[in-house]
N, C-alpha and C. Protein backbone atom coordinates (compact mmCIF):
# COMPACT_ATOMS: atom_id res chain seq x y z
N MET A 1 130.31 77.50 88.12
CA MET A 1 129.37 76.53 87.55
C MET A 1 127.94 77.07 87.65
N ALA A 2 127.26 77.05 86.54
CA ALA A 2 125.89 77.57 86.52
C ALA A 2 124.96 76.70 87.34
N ARG A 3 124.04 77.36 88.04
CA ARG A 3 123.07 76.62 88.84
C ARG A 3 122.12 75.86 87.92
N LYS A 4 121.89 74.61 88.26
CA LYS A 4 120.98 73.80 87.45
C LYS A 4 119.54 74.21 87.74
N ILE A 5 118.83 74.56 86.68
CA ILE A 5 117.45 74.98 86.82
C ILE A 5 116.54 73.85 86.35
N LEU A 6 115.69 73.40 87.24
CA LEU A 6 114.79 72.32 86.92
C LEU A 6 113.47 72.87 86.38
N PHE A 7 112.78 72.02 85.61
CA PHE A 7 111.51 72.42 85.04
C PHE A 7 110.52 72.81 86.13
N LYS A 8 110.55 72.08 87.24
CA LYS A 8 109.61 72.39 88.33
C LYS A 8 109.90 73.76 88.93
N ASP A 9 111.20 74.19 88.89
CA ASP A 9 111.54 75.53 89.38
C ASP A 9 110.90 76.60 88.50
N LEU A 10 110.94 76.36 87.18
CA LEU A 10 110.33 77.30 86.25
C LEU A 10 108.82 77.36 86.46
N LYS A 11 108.22 76.22 86.72
CA LYS A 11 106.78 76.17 86.95
C LYS A 11 106.40 76.93 88.21
N GLU A 12 107.21 76.75 89.26
CA GLU A 12 106.94 77.45 90.52
C GLU A 12 107.11 78.96 90.35
N ASN A 13 108.14 79.36 89.59
CA ASN A 13 108.36 80.78 89.35
C ASN A 13 107.20 81.38 88.54
N GLU A 14 106.74 80.64 87.56
CA GLU A 14 105.61 81.09 86.76
C GLU A 14 104.36 81.23 87.63
N LYS A 15 104.18 80.29 88.55
CA LYS A 15 103.03 80.34 89.44
C LYS A 15 103.08 81.58 90.32
N ARG A 16 104.27 81.91 90.87
CA ARG A 16 104.42 83.09 91.71
C ARG A 16 104.13 84.37 90.92
N ILE A 17 104.61 84.41 89.68
CA ILE A 17 104.38 85.59 88.85
C ILE A 17 102.90 85.77 88.58
N ARG A 18 102.22 84.67 88.26
CA ARG A 18 100.78 84.76 88.00
C ARG A 18 100.00 85.17 89.24
N ARG A 19 100.39 84.64 90.40
CA ARG A 19 99.73 85.03 91.65
C ARG A 19 99.92 86.52 91.92
N ASP A 20 101.14 87.01 91.67
CA ASP A 20 101.41 88.43 91.89
C ASP A 20 100.59 89.30 90.94
N LEU A 21 100.47 88.87 89.69
CA LEU A 21 99.68 89.63 88.72
C LEU A 21 98.20 89.67 89.13
N ILE A 22 97.72 88.55 89.64
CA ILE A 22 96.32 88.51 90.11
C ILE A 22 96.14 89.43 91.31
N MET A 23 97.10 89.42 92.24
CA MET A 23 97.00 90.30 93.41
C MET A 23 97.14 91.76 93.02
N ASP A 24 97.98 92.05 92.02
CA ASP A 24 98.07 93.43 91.51
C ASP A 24 96.70 93.89 91.00
N ALA A 25 96.06 93.02 90.24
CA ALA A 25 94.72 93.35 89.72
C ALA A 25 93.72 93.50 90.85
N ALA A 26 93.81 92.63 91.85
CA ALA A 26 92.90 92.70 93.00
C ALA A 26 93.07 94.04 93.73
N GLU A 27 94.31 94.50 93.88
CA GLU A 27 94.56 95.80 94.53
C GLU A 27 93.86 96.92 93.77
N ARG A 28 93.96 96.89 92.45
CA ARG A 28 93.33 97.96 91.66
C ARG A 28 91.82 97.93 91.79
N VAL A 29 91.24 96.74 91.84
CA VAL A 29 89.79 96.62 92.00
C VAL A 29 89.38 97.03 93.41
N PHE A 30 90.13 96.56 94.42
CA PHE A 30 89.81 96.91 95.80
C PHE A 30 89.93 98.42 96.03
N ALA A 31 90.81 99.09 95.27
CA ALA A 31 91.04 100.52 95.46
C ALA A 31 89.84 101.36 95.02
N LYS A 32 89.01 100.82 94.13
CA LYS A 32 87.90 101.62 93.61
C LYS A 32 86.53 101.01 93.86
N THR A 33 86.47 99.83 94.49
CA THR A 33 85.20 99.15 94.71
C THR A 33 85.09 98.69 96.16
N ALA A 34 83.94 98.88 96.78
CA ALA A 34 83.72 98.38 98.15
C ALA A 34 83.94 96.87 98.18
N PHE A 35 84.58 96.39 99.22
CA PHE A 35 84.98 94.99 99.26
C PHE A 35 83.78 94.04 99.16
N ASP A 36 82.67 94.42 99.78
CA ASP A 36 81.52 93.53 99.76
C ASP A 36 80.84 93.50 98.39
N ARG A 37 81.31 94.33 97.46
CA ARG A 37 80.75 94.35 96.11
C ARG A 37 81.70 93.75 95.07
N VAL A 38 82.90 93.44 95.50
CA VAL A 38 83.88 92.88 94.56
C VAL A 38 83.53 91.44 94.23
N GLN A 39 83.66 91.10 92.97
CA GLN A 39 83.42 89.73 92.51
C GLN A 39 84.65 89.24 91.76
N ILE A 40 84.83 87.93 91.78
CA ILE A 40 85.98 87.33 91.12
C ILE A 40 86.05 87.74 89.65
N ARG A 41 84.90 87.81 88.99
CA ARG A 41 84.91 88.13 87.55
C ARG A 41 85.48 89.52 87.28
N GLN A 42 85.33 90.48 88.24
CA GLN A 42 85.91 91.80 88.06
C GLN A 42 87.43 91.73 88.06
N ILE A 43 87.96 90.94 88.99
CA ILE A 43 89.42 90.79 89.09
C ILE A 43 89.94 90.03 87.88
N ALA A 44 89.20 89.01 87.45
CA ALA A 44 89.60 88.24 86.27
C ALA A 44 89.66 89.13 85.05
N SER A 45 88.66 90.00 84.90
CA SER A 45 88.63 90.92 83.76
C SER A 45 89.80 91.89 83.83
N GLU A 46 90.13 92.35 85.02
CA GLU A 46 91.22 93.31 85.21
C GLU A 46 92.56 92.71 84.82
N VAL A 47 92.76 91.42 85.13
CA VAL A 47 94.05 90.78 84.87
C VAL A 47 94.09 90.06 83.53
N GLY A 48 92.91 89.90 82.89
CA GLY A 48 92.86 89.24 81.59
C GLY A 48 92.82 87.72 81.67
N LEU A 49 92.16 87.20 82.70
CA LEU A 49 92.00 85.76 82.86
C LEU A 49 90.51 85.43 82.99
N THR A 50 90.20 84.15 82.92
CA THR A 50 88.83 83.72 83.18
C THR A 50 88.67 83.58 84.69
N PRO A 51 87.45 83.70 85.20
CA PRO A 51 87.23 83.49 86.64
C PRO A 51 87.74 82.12 87.09
N GLY A 52 87.56 81.12 86.25
CA GLY A 52 88.03 79.79 86.62
C GLY A 52 89.53 79.74 86.81
N ALA A 53 90.26 80.51 86.02
CA ALA A 53 91.71 80.53 86.14
C ALA A 53 92.15 81.14 87.47
N ILE A 54 91.39 82.11 87.98
CA ILE A 54 91.71 82.71 89.29
C ILE A 54 91.68 81.64 90.37
N TYR A 55 90.69 80.76 90.29
CA TYR A 55 90.54 79.72 91.31
C TYR A 55 91.66 78.69 91.26
N THR A 56 92.44 78.69 90.20
CA THR A 56 93.60 77.81 90.14
C THR A 56 94.66 78.25 91.15
N TYR A 57 94.67 79.54 91.44
CA TYR A 57 95.70 80.11 92.31
C TYR A 57 95.18 80.51 93.69
N PHE A 58 93.88 80.78 93.78
CA PHE A 58 93.27 81.16 95.05
C PHE A 58 91.93 80.43 95.17
N PRO A 59 91.71 79.73 96.27
CA PRO A 59 90.49 78.91 96.39
C PRO A 59 89.18 79.71 96.45
N ASP A 60 89.27 80.96 96.92
CA ASP A 60 88.07 81.79 97.02
C ASP A 60 88.47 83.26 97.10
N LEU A 61 87.48 84.13 97.01
CA LEU A 61 87.73 85.57 97.02
C LEU A 61 88.33 86.03 98.34
N GLU A 62 87.86 85.46 99.45
CA GLU A 62 88.35 85.86 100.76
C GLU A 62 89.85 85.57 100.91
N THR A 63 90.28 84.40 100.41
CA THR A 63 91.71 84.06 100.46
C THR A 63 92.52 85.03 99.61
N LEU A 64 92.01 85.33 98.43
CA LEU A 64 92.69 86.31 97.57
C LEU A 64 92.81 87.65 98.27
N PHE A 65 91.75 88.07 98.91
CA PHE A 65 91.78 89.35 99.63
C PHE A 65 92.82 89.31 100.75
N LEU A 66 92.82 88.24 101.54
CA LEU A 66 93.75 88.15 102.67
C LEU A 66 95.20 88.08 102.21
N GLU A 67 95.46 87.32 101.16
CA GLU A 67 96.81 87.22 100.63
C GLU A 67 97.29 88.57 100.11
N THR A 68 96.40 89.32 99.48
CA THR A 68 96.74 90.64 98.97
C THR A 68 97.00 91.60 100.12
N ALA A 69 96.19 91.51 101.18
CA ALA A 69 96.38 92.36 102.36
C ALA A 69 97.71 92.06 103.04
N ILE A 70 98.06 90.79 103.15
CA ILE A 70 99.34 90.40 103.76
C ILE A 70 100.50 90.95 102.95
N ARG A 71 100.41 90.82 101.63
CA ARG A 71 101.47 91.34 100.78
C ARG A 71 101.60 92.86 100.94
N GLY A 72 100.47 93.55 101.06
CA GLY A 72 100.51 94.99 101.27
C GLY A 72 101.21 95.36 102.56
N ALA A 73 100.91 94.63 103.64
CA ALA A 73 101.54 94.89 104.94
C ALA A 73 103.04 94.63 104.87
N GLU A 74 103.43 93.60 104.12
CA GLU A 74 104.86 93.29 103.96
C GLU A 74 105.56 94.42 103.21
N ARG A 75 104.90 95.01 102.25
CA ARG A 75 105.50 96.13 101.50
C ARG A 75 105.64 97.36 102.38
N ILE A 76 104.68 97.59 103.27
CA ILE A 76 104.80 98.69 104.23
C ILE A 76 106.02 98.45 105.11
N ARG A 77 106.13 97.24 105.63
CA ARG A 77 107.27 96.88 106.49
C ARG A 77 108.59 97.08 105.75
N ASN A 78 108.66 96.65 104.50
CA ASN A 78 109.90 96.78 103.73
C ASN A 78 110.25 98.25 103.50
N SER A 79 109.23 99.08 103.33
CA SER A 79 109.48 100.51 103.14
C SER A 79 110.08 101.12 104.40
N LEU A 80 109.57 100.72 105.56
CA LEU A 80 110.13 101.21 106.83
C LEU A 80 111.56 100.70 107.02
N ASP A 81 111.81 99.47 106.57
CA ASP A 81 113.16 98.91 106.68
C ASP A 81 114.18 99.72 105.89
N GLU A 82 113.75 100.31 104.77
CA GLU A 82 114.66 101.13 103.98
C GLU A 82 115.17 102.31 104.80
N VAL A 83 114.32 102.84 105.67
CA VAL A 83 114.74 103.94 106.55
C VAL A 83 115.64 103.41 107.66
N LEU A 84 115.21 102.33 108.30
CA LEU A 84 115.94 101.79 109.44
C LEU A 84 117.32 101.26 109.06
N LYS A 85 117.47 100.72 107.86
CA LYS A 85 118.75 100.15 107.43
C LYS A 85 119.82 101.21 107.22
N THR A 86 119.41 102.45 107.07
CA THR A 86 120.38 103.54 106.93
C THR A 86 120.96 103.94 108.28
N GLY A 87 120.42 103.33 109.34
CA GLY A 87 120.84 103.71 110.68
C GLY A 87 120.01 104.84 111.25
N GLU A 88 119.07 105.33 110.46
CA GLU A 88 118.18 106.41 110.87
C GLU A 88 117.04 105.85 111.71
N LYS A 89 117.05 106.15 113.00
CA LYS A 89 115.99 105.66 113.88
C LYS A 89 115.24 106.81 114.53
N ASP A 90 115.23 107.93 113.83
CA ASP A 90 114.47 109.08 114.29
C ASP A 90 112.99 108.80 114.10
N LEU A 91 112.21 108.99 115.15
CA LEU A 91 110.78 108.68 115.11
C LEU A 91 110.09 109.47 114.01
N GLY A 92 110.42 110.75 113.88
CA GLY A 92 109.78 111.57 112.86
C GLY A 92 110.03 111.05 111.45
N SER A 93 111.24 110.59 111.17
CA SER A 93 111.58 110.09 109.83
C SER A 93 110.78 108.84 109.49
N VAL A 94 110.63 107.94 110.46
CA VAL A 94 109.88 106.71 110.22
C VAL A 94 108.40 107.02 110.03
N VAL A 95 107.88 107.95 110.81
CA VAL A 95 106.48 108.33 110.68
C VAL A 95 106.21 108.97 109.32
N VAL A 96 107.11 109.84 108.88
CA VAL A 96 106.95 110.48 107.57
C VAL A 96 106.97 109.44 106.46
N ARG A 97 107.88 108.47 106.54
CA ARG A 97 107.92 107.42 105.52
C ARG A 97 106.61 106.64 105.49
N TYR A 98 106.07 106.32 106.66
CA TYR A 98 104.81 105.58 106.73
C TYR A 98 103.69 106.38 106.07
N ILE A 99 103.60 107.65 106.39
CA ILE A 99 102.55 108.49 105.82
C ILE A 99 102.69 108.58 104.31
N GLU A 100 103.90 108.82 103.82
CA GLU A 100 104.12 108.94 102.39
C GLU A 100 103.77 107.67 101.65
N PHE A 101 104.14 106.54 102.23
CA PHE A 101 103.86 105.26 101.58
C PHE A 101 102.35 105.00 101.54
N ILE A 102 101.68 105.19 102.66
CA ILE A 102 100.25 104.91 102.71
C ILE A 102 99.46 105.87 101.84
N MET A 103 99.87 107.13 101.77
CA MET A 103 99.17 108.09 100.92
C MET A 103 99.17 107.63 99.47
N ASP A 104 100.21 106.91 99.07
CA ASP A 104 100.28 106.38 97.71
C ASP A 104 99.63 105.00 97.58
N HIS A 105 99.27 104.40 98.71
CA HIS A 105 98.68 103.06 98.70
C HIS A 105 97.57 102.96 99.74
N LEU A 106 96.61 103.85 99.66
CA LEU A 106 95.54 103.84 100.65
C LEU A 106 94.72 102.55 100.61
N GLU A 107 94.78 101.83 99.49
CA GLU A 107 94.06 100.55 99.43
C GLU A 107 94.60 99.58 100.46
N TYR A 108 95.90 99.67 100.80
CA TYR A 108 96.46 98.79 101.83
C TYR A 108 95.80 99.05 103.18
N LEU A 109 95.58 100.33 103.46
CA LEU A 109 94.94 100.70 104.72
C LEU A 109 93.50 100.21 104.76
N ARG A 110 92.79 100.35 103.66
CA ARG A 110 91.42 99.89 103.58
C ARG A 110 91.34 98.36 103.72
N MET A 111 92.29 97.67 103.11
CA MET A 111 92.31 96.21 103.21
C MET A 111 92.60 95.78 104.65
N SER A 112 93.51 96.48 105.29
CA SER A 112 93.85 96.17 106.67
C SER A 112 92.63 96.35 107.57
N GLN A 113 91.91 97.46 107.38
CA GLN A 113 90.71 97.71 108.18
C GLN A 113 89.68 96.62 107.96
N HIS A 114 89.44 96.27 106.71
CA HIS A 114 88.44 95.25 106.40
C HIS A 114 88.86 93.90 106.99
N CYS A 115 90.15 93.61 106.90
CA CYS A 115 90.67 92.34 107.42
C CYS A 115 90.43 92.23 108.92
N LEU A 116 90.68 93.32 109.65
CA LEU A 116 90.55 93.30 111.11
C LEU A 116 89.09 93.32 111.57
N LEU A 117 88.24 94.03 110.83
CA LEU A 117 86.86 94.22 111.30
C LEU A 117 85.87 93.20 110.76
N TYR A 118 86.06 92.77 109.52
CA TYR A 118 85.01 91.99 108.87
C TYR A 118 85.42 90.61 108.36
N SER A 119 86.70 90.42 108.16
CA SER A 119 87.13 89.17 107.54
C SER A 119 86.95 87.98 108.48
N ARG A 120 86.47 86.88 107.92
CA ARG A 120 86.36 85.63 108.68
C ARG A 120 87.49 84.71 108.23
N ILE A 121 88.54 84.65 109.04
CA ILE A 121 89.71 83.86 108.68
C ILE A 121 89.53 82.44 109.20
N THR A 122 89.32 81.51 108.30
CA THR A 122 89.10 80.12 108.69
C THR A 122 90.36 79.29 108.59
N SER A 123 91.35 79.77 107.88
CA SER A 123 92.61 79.03 107.72
C SER A 123 93.57 79.40 108.85
N ALA A 124 94.01 78.40 109.60
CA ALA A 124 94.95 78.64 110.69
C ALA A 124 96.28 79.16 110.15
N GLU A 125 96.66 78.68 108.97
CA GLU A 125 97.93 79.12 108.37
C GLU A 125 97.88 80.60 108.00
N ILE A 126 96.78 81.01 107.37
CA ILE A 126 96.66 82.42 106.99
C ILE A 126 96.53 83.31 108.22
N LEU A 127 95.81 82.85 109.24
CA LEU A 127 95.68 83.62 110.48
C LEU A 127 97.05 83.85 111.10
N GLU A 128 97.88 82.82 111.12
CA GLU A 128 99.22 82.98 111.69
C GLU A 128 100.06 83.93 110.85
N ARG A 129 99.90 83.90 109.55
CA ARG A 129 100.64 84.82 108.68
C ARG A 129 100.19 86.26 108.89
N VAL A 130 98.88 86.46 109.08
CA VAL A 130 98.36 87.79 109.37
C VAL A 130 98.95 88.31 110.68
N ASN A 131 98.94 87.45 111.70
CA ASN A 131 99.48 87.84 113.01
C ASN A 131 100.97 88.11 112.95
N GLU A 132 101.71 87.26 112.24
CA GLU A 132 103.15 87.43 112.14
C GLU A 132 103.51 88.70 111.37
N THR A 133 102.78 88.98 110.32
CA THR A 133 103.03 90.20 109.55
C THR A 133 102.75 91.44 110.40
N SER A 134 101.67 91.39 111.17
CA SER A 134 101.34 92.52 112.06
C SER A 134 102.43 92.71 113.10
N ARG A 135 102.88 91.60 113.69
CA ARG A 135 103.93 91.69 114.72
C ARG A 135 105.22 92.29 114.14
N SER A 136 105.59 91.85 112.94
CA SER A 136 106.84 92.33 112.35
C SER A 136 106.75 93.82 112.01
N LEU A 137 105.55 94.28 111.64
CA LEU A 137 105.36 95.71 111.37
C LEU A 137 105.45 96.51 112.67
N PHE A 138 104.82 96.00 113.73
CA PHE A 138 104.89 96.67 115.03
C PHE A 138 106.33 96.75 115.53
N GLU A 139 107.12 95.72 115.25
CA GLU A 139 108.51 95.70 115.72
C GLU A 139 109.31 96.85 115.13
N ARG A 140 108.97 97.27 113.92
CA ARG A 140 109.68 98.41 113.32
C ARG A 140 109.42 99.69 114.12
N PHE A 141 108.19 99.87 114.55
CA PHE A 141 107.87 101.03 115.37
C PHE A 141 108.48 100.89 116.77
N ASP A 142 108.53 99.65 117.28
CA ASP A 142 109.17 99.41 118.57
C ASP A 142 110.61 99.92 118.58
N GLN A 143 111.31 99.67 117.47
CA GLN A 143 112.73 100.04 117.40
C GLN A 143 112.94 101.53 117.63
N VAL A 144 112.09 102.35 117.02
CA VAL A 144 112.30 103.80 117.16
C VAL A 144 111.67 104.36 118.43
N LEU A 145 110.65 103.68 118.94
CA LEU A 145 109.99 104.17 120.16
C LEU A 145 110.77 103.80 121.42
N SER A 146 111.61 102.78 121.32
CA SER A 146 112.31 102.29 122.51
C SER A 146 113.24 103.35 123.11
N SER A 147 113.65 104.32 122.32
CA SER A 147 114.52 105.37 122.85
C SER A 147 113.73 106.50 123.50
N HIS A 148 112.41 106.41 123.42
CA HIS A 148 111.57 107.48 123.96
C HIS A 148 110.73 107.04 125.17
N VAL A 149 110.38 105.77 125.23
CA VAL A 149 109.54 105.29 126.32
C VAL A 149 110.15 104.04 126.94
N GLY A 150 109.72 103.72 128.15
CA GLY A 150 110.25 102.58 128.86
C GLY A 150 109.93 101.26 128.20
N GLY A 151 110.74 100.24 128.51
CA GLY A 151 110.60 98.94 127.88
C GLY A 151 109.22 98.34 127.95
N LYS A 152 108.58 98.43 129.10
CA LYS A 152 107.25 97.82 129.26
C LYS A 152 106.17 98.59 128.50
N GLU A 153 106.46 99.84 128.14
CA GLU A 153 105.45 100.65 127.48
C GLU A 153 105.63 100.72 125.98
N VAL A 154 106.72 100.18 125.45
CA VAL A 154 107.03 100.35 124.04
C VAL A 154 105.91 99.84 123.13
N ARG A 155 105.47 98.60 123.34
CA ARG A 155 104.44 98.06 122.45
C ARG A 155 103.12 98.81 122.62
N LEU A 156 102.82 99.24 123.83
CA LEU A 156 101.60 100.03 124.06
C LEU A 156 101.65 101.32 123.23
N TYR A 157 102.80 101.98 123.24
CA TYR A 157 102.95 103.21 122.45
C TYR A 157 102.97 102.92 120.96
N THR A 158 103.49 101.77 120.58
CA THR A 158 103.43 101.37 119.16
C THR A 158 101.99 101.24 118.70
N HIS A 159 101.17 100.59 119.51
CA HIS A 159 99.75 100.46 119.16
C HIS A 159 99.08 101.83 119.08
N LEU A 160 99.42 102.71 120.03
CA LEU A 160 98.86 104.06 120.02
C LEU A 160 99.27 104.81 118.76
N LEU A 161 100.54 104.78 118.44
CA LEU A 161 101.06 105.49 117.27
C LEU A 161 100.47 104.94 115.98
N PHE A 162 100.45 103.61 115.87
CA PHE A 162 99.95 102.96 114.65
C PHE A 162 98.48 103.30 114.41
N SER A 163 97.67 103.20 115.46
CA SER A 163 96.24 103.47 115.31
C SER A 163 95.99 104.95 115.06
N ALA A 164 96.76 105.82 115.68
CA ALA A 164 96.58 107.26 115.48
C ALA A 164 96.97 107.67 114.06
N LEU A 165 98.07 107.14 113.55
CA LEU A 165 98.48 107.46 112.18
C LEU A 165 97.44 106.97 111.17
N ASN A 166 96.94 105.78 111.40
CA ASN A 166 95.91 105.26 110.49
C ASN A 166 94.64 106.10 110.56
N GLY A 167 94.30 106.57 111.74
CA GLY A 167 93.14 107.44 111.88
C GLY A 167 93.32 108.74 111.11
N ILE A 168 94.51 109.31 111.19
CA ILE A 168 94.81 110.54 110.43
C ILE A 168 94.67 110.27 108.93
N LEU A 169 95.22 109.16 108.48
CA LEU A 169 95.21 108.85 107.04
C LEU A 169 93.80 108.51 106.56
N PHE A 170 93.02 107.80 107.37
CA PHE A 170 91.64 107.51 107.00
C PHE A 170 90.83 108.80 106.88
N THR A 171 91.06 109.72 107.80
CA THR A 171 90.26 110.94 107.85
C THR A 171 90.64 111.95 106.77
N PHE A 172 91.94 112.09 106.53
CA PHE A 172 92.38 113.17 105.65
C PHE A 172 93.09 112.71 104.37
N GLY A 173 93.27 111.41 104.22
CA GLY A 173 94.00 110.92 103.05
C GLY A 173 93.34 111.25 101.72
N ARG A 174 92.02 111.26 101.69
CA ARG A 174 91.27 111.59 100.46
C ARG A 174 90.22 112.65 100.78
N TYR A 175 90.64 113.67 101.50
CA TYR A 175 89.68 114.68 101.95
C TYR A 175 89.10 115.43 100.75
N PRO A 176 87.76 115.66 100.72
CA PRO A 176 87.12 116.33 99.58
C PRO A 176 87.70 117.72 99.31
N ASN A 177 87.86 118.02 98.03
CA ASN A 177 88.31 119.34 97.58
C ASN A 177 89.71 119.70 98.09
N ARG A 178 90.51 118.68 98.36
CA ARG A 178 91.90 118.92 98.75
C ARG A 178 92.81 118.13 97.81
N SER A 179 93.87 118.75 97.37
CA SER A 179 94.81 118.05 96.50
C SER A 179 95.60 117.04 97.32
N ARG A 180 96.28 116.14 96.62
CA ARG A 180 97.10 115.15 97.31
C ARG A 180 98.17 115.84 98.14
N GLU A 181 98.75 116.90 97.58
CA GLU A 181 99.81 117.61 98.29
C GLU A 181 99.28 118.27 99.56
N GLU A 182 98.08 118.83 99.49
CA GLU A 182 97.48 119.46 100.67
C GLU A 182 97.16 118.42 101.73
N ALA A 183 96.60 117.29 101.29
CA ALA A 183 96.27 116.22 102.23
C ALA A 183 97.54 115.66 102.87
N MET A 184 98.59 115.48 102.07
CA MET A 184 99.86 114.98 102.59
C MET A 184 100.44 115.93 103.63
N ALA A 185 100.45 117.22 103.32
CA ALA A 185 101.01 118.20 104.24
C ALA A 185 100.24 118.22 105.56
N HIS A 186 98.91 118.15 105.48
CA HIS A 186 98.10 118.18 106.70
C HIS A 186 98.33 116.92 107.53
N ALA A 187 98.41 115.76 106.87
CA ALA A 187 98.66 114.51 107.59
C ALA A 187 100.01 114.55 108.29
N LYS A 188 101.01 115.11 107.62
CA LYS A 188 102.35 115.20 108.23
C LYS A 188 102.34 116.17 109.41
N ASN A 189 101.60 117.26 109.30
CA ASN A 189 101.52 118.21 110.42
C ASN A 189 100.88 117.56 111.64
N LEU A 190 99.78 116.84 111.42
CA LEU A 190 99.12 116.16 112.54
C LEU A 190 100.01 115.09 113.15
N ALA A 191 100.68 114.33 112.28
CA ALA A 191 101.59 113.30 112.78
C ALA A 191 102.75 113.92 113.54
N GLY A 192 103.20 115.10 113.09
CA GLY A 192 104.27 115.79 113.80
C GLY A 192 103.87 116.17 115.21
N LEU A 193 102.63 116.59 115.39
CA LEU A 193 102.13 116.89 116.74
C LEU A 193 102.15 115.64 117.61
N LEU A 194 101.77 114.52 117.03
CA LEU A 194 101.77 113.25 117.76
C LEU A 194 103.18 112.85 118.16
N VAL A 195 104.12 112.99 117.23
CA VAL A 195 105.53 112.67 117.52
C VAL A 195 106.05 113.56 118.64
N ASP A 196 105.72 114.85 118.59
CA ASP A 196 106.16 115.78 119.64
C ASP A 196 105.64 115.34 121.01
N LEU A 197 104.38 114.93 121.07
CA LEU A 197 103.79 114.49 122.34
C LEU A 197 104.51 113.26 122.89
N ILE A 198 104.82 112.31 122.00
CA ILE A 198 105.50 111.09 122.43
C ILE A 198 106.92 111.42 122.90
N GLU A 199 107.61 112.28 122.15
CA GLU A 199 108.98 112.62 122.53
C GLU A 199 109.01 113.38 123.86
N LYS A 200 108.05 114.26 124.08
CA LYS A 200 107.98 114.99 125.35
C LYS A 200 107.66 114.03 126.49
N ARG A 201 106.79 113.05 126.21
CA ARG A 201 106.47 112.04 127.22
C ARG A 201 107.72 111.26 127.57
N GLY A 202 108.53 110.95 126.56
CA GLY A 202 109.76 110.22 126.82
C GLY A 202 110.75 111.04 127.62
N GLU A 203 110.87 112.33 127.28
CA GLU A 203 111.78 113.21 128.03
C GLU A 203 111.34 113.33 129.48
N ALA A 204 110.04 113.43 129.71
CA ALA A 204 109.53 113.54 131.08
C ALA A 204 109.81 112.27 131.86
N GLY A 205 109.66 111.13 131.17
CA GLY A 205 109.92 109.85 131.82
C GLY A 205 111.37 109.69 132.20
N HIS A 206 112.28 110.10 131.28
CA HIS A 206 113.71 110.01 131.57
C HIS A 206 114.09 110.93 132.71
N GLU A 207 113.51 112.13 132.74
CA GLU A 207 113.80 113.06 133.82
C GLU A 207 113.33 112.51 135.16
N SER A 208 112.16 111.86 135.15
CA SER A 208 111.64 111.25 136.37
C SER A 208 112.55 110.13 136.85
N ASP A 209 113.08 109.33 135.89
CA ASP A 209 113.99 108.25 136.25
C ASP A 209 115.28 108.80 136.86
N ARG A 210 115.79 109.88 136.26
CA ARG A 210 117.02 110.47 136.78
C ARG A 210 116.81 111.00 138.20
N SER A 211 115.66 111.59 138.41
CA SER A 211 115.36 112.12 139.76
C SER A 211 115.25 111.00 140.77
N ALA A 212 114.80 109.83 140.31
CA ALA A 212 114.64 108.68 141.23
C ALA A 212 115.90 107.85 141.31
N GLY A 213 116.94 108.24 140.55
CA GLY A 213 118.18 107.50 140.60
C GLY A 213 118.20 106.25 139.75
N VAL A 214 117.27 106.16 138.78
CA VAL A 214 117.22 104.99 137.90
C VAL A 214 118.23 105.17 136.77
N VAL A 215 119.05 104.14 136.53
CA VAL A 215 120.04 104.21 135.47
C VAL A 215 119.45 103.74 134.17
N ASP A 216 119.63 104.53 133.12
CA ASP A 216 119.17 104.15 131.78
C ASP A 216 120.15 103.14 131.21
N PRO A 217 119.71 101.88 130.96
CA PRO A 217 120.62 100.86 130.45
C PRO A 217 121.21 101.23 129.10
N ASN A 218 120.54 102.09 128.31
CA ASN A 218 121.05 102.47 127.01
C ASN A 218 122.20 103.46 127.12
N SER A 219 122.35 104.08 128.27
CA SER A 219 123.44 105.05 128.44
C SER A 219 124.59 104.47 129.23
N ALA A 220 124.41 103.23 129.71
CA ALA A 220 125.46 102.62 130.54
C ALA A 220 126.60 102.10 129.68
């Protein structure tokens, strides 16, 4: 039996599509314009709507920016999930996927930075969504780091890894007079050094535990 589709369902679907199109346009504008210089009319022009129509879906520019940033973080998380769902929990593989994805979407990184440093989040609902999205992204890194560092240190190392990778991408993602391929290769090399340091730290920690007679619960 075919599912009954109500008119209100069609309206809601249309609304979601329009919101996504507006956020797509916002991403393109944010990618080439400093955030403090972006105006609603630029995004409206990019998507082919009037500025007034934008306000039908987003109450102000800041909300549009935050919603777009949240969607970007969710896409990063989903990209990492594609690796994790294969059963591949190698730290290097997850790090490479993160670098490759961000290199193609550096606007997400810029939006994240602006959100954390400059955005004034007045909506409790949006603040909770920002926090929840950040936590869910960190949890993906927790999964692969848990085999290298102790339980109490996992989130600390996740924060270290996440901030270090972003620093590499901010510094070298669009380095002058370097092709995308050259920038990508350099970012992966630097990230590889970081992964090696973390893995060696984990090996040292496990060796110390064995010497002290501590049983690894993952091997029991």
